[in-house]
Amino acid sequence: MKLKLAGCLLCTASLSHAEVLTQQAYDQKIQQHMQIIQQTKAILDQPDRQADAKQQSQALCERLNAYEQIASLSKENLSLEMASVMLMASQNFLDRQKSSLGDSGMTASGFCAGKKPVQ
């Protein structure tokens, strides 16, 4: 009986970390993270960019964090409209970046250590 109770408490504790949202709240949070991604485009994606290496690495970490947040929110709210698509797209981006950083002998957490993401 104690084991079952402990198991139920663990299940409840792990569920409390999930951020279950309404469709409107989900859309709003996704939009906030998409704005961060859009803001990094001028620094990372434009051929005539004039950002230095520090600005570029900060922008990449902000973009990685935004995609991680999108993946997390989407995974926790799969029943909402577009959540499965957003999860797939964000996970695809994160997998490509992980591979790219790994080919360079780095990890995202190591590369972004000490760089605070914009919230």
Protein backbone atom coordinates (compact mmCIF):
# COMPACT_ATOMS: atom_id res chain seq x y z
CA MET A 1 0.00 0.00 0.00
CA LYS A 2 2.82 2.40 0.89
CA LEU A 3 4.52 1.64 -2.43
CA LYS A 4 1.36 2.46 -4.37
CA LEU A 5 0.94 5.70 -2.45
CA ALA A 6 4.56 6.68 -3.07
CA GLY A 7 4.11 5.89 -6.77
CA CYS A 8 1.02 8.08 -6.95
CA LEU A 9 2.83 10.93 -5.23
CA LEU A 10 5.70 10.67 -7.71
CA CYS A 11 3.25 10.72 -10.62
CA THR A 12 1.52 13.78 -9.20
CA ALA A 13 4.84 15.53 -8.60
CA SER A 14 6.01 14.93 -12.16
CA LEU A 15 2.70 16.15 -13.59
CA SER A 16 2.90 19.37 -11.61
CA HIS A 17 5.91 20.44 -13.68
CA ALA A 18 3.98 20.24 -16.94
CA GLU A 19 2.58 23.55 -18.08
CA VAL A 20 -0.87 22.67 -19.43
CA LEU A 21 -2.25 25.69 -21.24
CA THR A 22 -5.38 26.87 -22.97
CA GLN A 23 -5.13 27.29 -26.74
CA GLN A 24 -4.92 31.08 -26.35
CA ALA A 25 -2.18 30.93 -23.71
CA TYR A 26 -0.23 28.38 -25.77
CA ASP A 27 -0.49 30.53 -28.90
CA GLN A 28 0.67 33.59 -26.97
CA LYS A 29 3.70 31.82 -25.49
CA ILE A 30 4.64 30.32 -28.86
CA GLN A 31 4.38 33.78 -30.43
CA GLN A 32 6.74 35.21 -27.78
CA HIS A 33 9.34 32.55 -28.56
CA MET A 34 8.86 33.00 -32.31
CA GLN A 35 9.57 36.73 -31.88
CA ILE A 36 12.91 35.86 -30.28
CA ILE A 37 13.70 33.57 -33.21
CA GLN A 38 12.77 36.33 -35.67
CA GLN A 39 14.96 38.84 -33.81
CA THR A 40 17.97 36.55 -34.14
CA LYS A 41 17.57 36.36 -37.92
CA ALA A 42 19.19 39.75 -38.47
CA ILE A 43 22.24 38.58 -36.55
CA LEU A 44 22.51 34.98 -37.72
CA ASP A 45 20.83 34.62 -41.11
CA GLN A 46 21.55 37.77 -43.10
CA PRO A 47 24.52 37.66 -45.47
CA ASP A 48 25.43 41.29 -44.69
CA ARG A 49 25.31 40.87 -40.92
CA GLN A 50 27.62 43.11 -38.97
CA ALA A 51 27.44 41.40 -35.59
CA ASP A 52 30.61 40.31 -33.86
CA ALA A 53 31.28 36.77 -32.62
CA LYS A 54 29.93 37.51 -29.14
CA GLN A 55 26.66 38.86 -30.52
CA GLN A 56 26.34 35.90 -32.87
CA SER A 57 26.91 33.33 -30.13
CA GLN A 58 24.43 35.13 -27.85
CA ALA A 59 21.85 35.17 -30.64
CA LEU A 60 22.38 31.46 -31.32
CA CYS A 61 21.88 30.65 -27.65
CA GLU A 62 18.72 32.77 -27.54
CA ARG A 63 17.43 30.95 -30.60
CA LEU A 64 18.29 27.53 -29.12
CA ASN A 65 16.52 28.45 -25.91
CA ALA A 66 13.44 29.65 -27.79
CA TYR A 67 13.24 26.38 -29.74
CA GLU A 68 13.73 24.40 -26.51
CA GLN A 69 10.86 26.32 -24.92
CA ILE A 70 8.65 25.71 -27.95
CA ALA A 71 9.44 21.99 -27.86
CA SER A 72 8.72 21.79 -24.15
CA LEU A 73 5.45 23.74 -24.33
CA SER A 74 4.32 21.73 -27.33
CA LYS A 75 5.16 18.39 -25.75
CA GLU A 76 3.22 19.35 -22.63
CA ASN A 77 0.21 20.50 -24.68
CA LEU A 78 0.02 18.02 -27.56
CA SER A 79 -3.77 18.13 -27.64
CA LEU A 80 -3.73 21.79 -28.70
CA GLU A 81 -3.89 22.95 -32.29
CA MET A 82 -0.47 23.08 -34.00
CA ALA A 83 1.35 21.68 -30.96
CA SER A 84 2.42 18.48 -32.71
CA VAL A 85 3.66 20.43 -35.73
CA MET A 86 5.53 22.91 -33.53
CA LEU A 87 7.07 20.05 -31.56
CA MET A 88 8.24 18.34 -34.74
CA ALA A 89 9.66 21.54 -36.22
CA SER A 90 11.41 22.67 -33.06
CA GLN A 91 12.81 19.21 -32.39
CA ASN A 92 14.10 19.05 -35.96
CA PHE A 93 15.93 22.35 -35.50
CA LEU A 94 17.36 21.27 -32.14
CA ASP A 95 18.51 17.92 -33.54
CA ARG A 96 20.31 19.65 -36.43
CA GLN A 97 22.01 22.10 -34.08
CA LYS A 98 23.01 19.30 -31.71
CA SER A 99 24.55 17.45 -34.62
CA SER A 100 26.31 20.55 -35.91
CA LEU A 101 27.69 21.47 -32.51
CA GLY A 102 28.64 17.84 -31.88
CA ASP A 103 30.62 17.78 -35.14
CA SER A 104 32.58 20.72 -33.73
CA GLY A 105 33.18 18.91 -30.45
CA MET A 106 30.70 21.02 -28.48
CA THR A 107 27.29 20.71 -26.88
CA ALA A 108 24.59 23.36 -26.76
CA SER A 109 24.79 23.52 -22.98
CA GLY A 110 28.55 23.94 -23.12
CA PHE A 111 28.39 26.50 -25.91
CA CYS A 112 25.71 28.53 -24.15
CA ALA A 113 27.09 28.22 -20.62
CA GLY A 114 27.13 31.66 -19.01
CA LYS A 115 24.95 33.26 -21.68
CA LYS A 116 21.62 34.32 -20.21
CA PRO A 117 18.73 33.91 -22.64
CA VAL A 118 16.39 36.83 -23.16
CA GLN A 119 13.01 35.98 -21.64
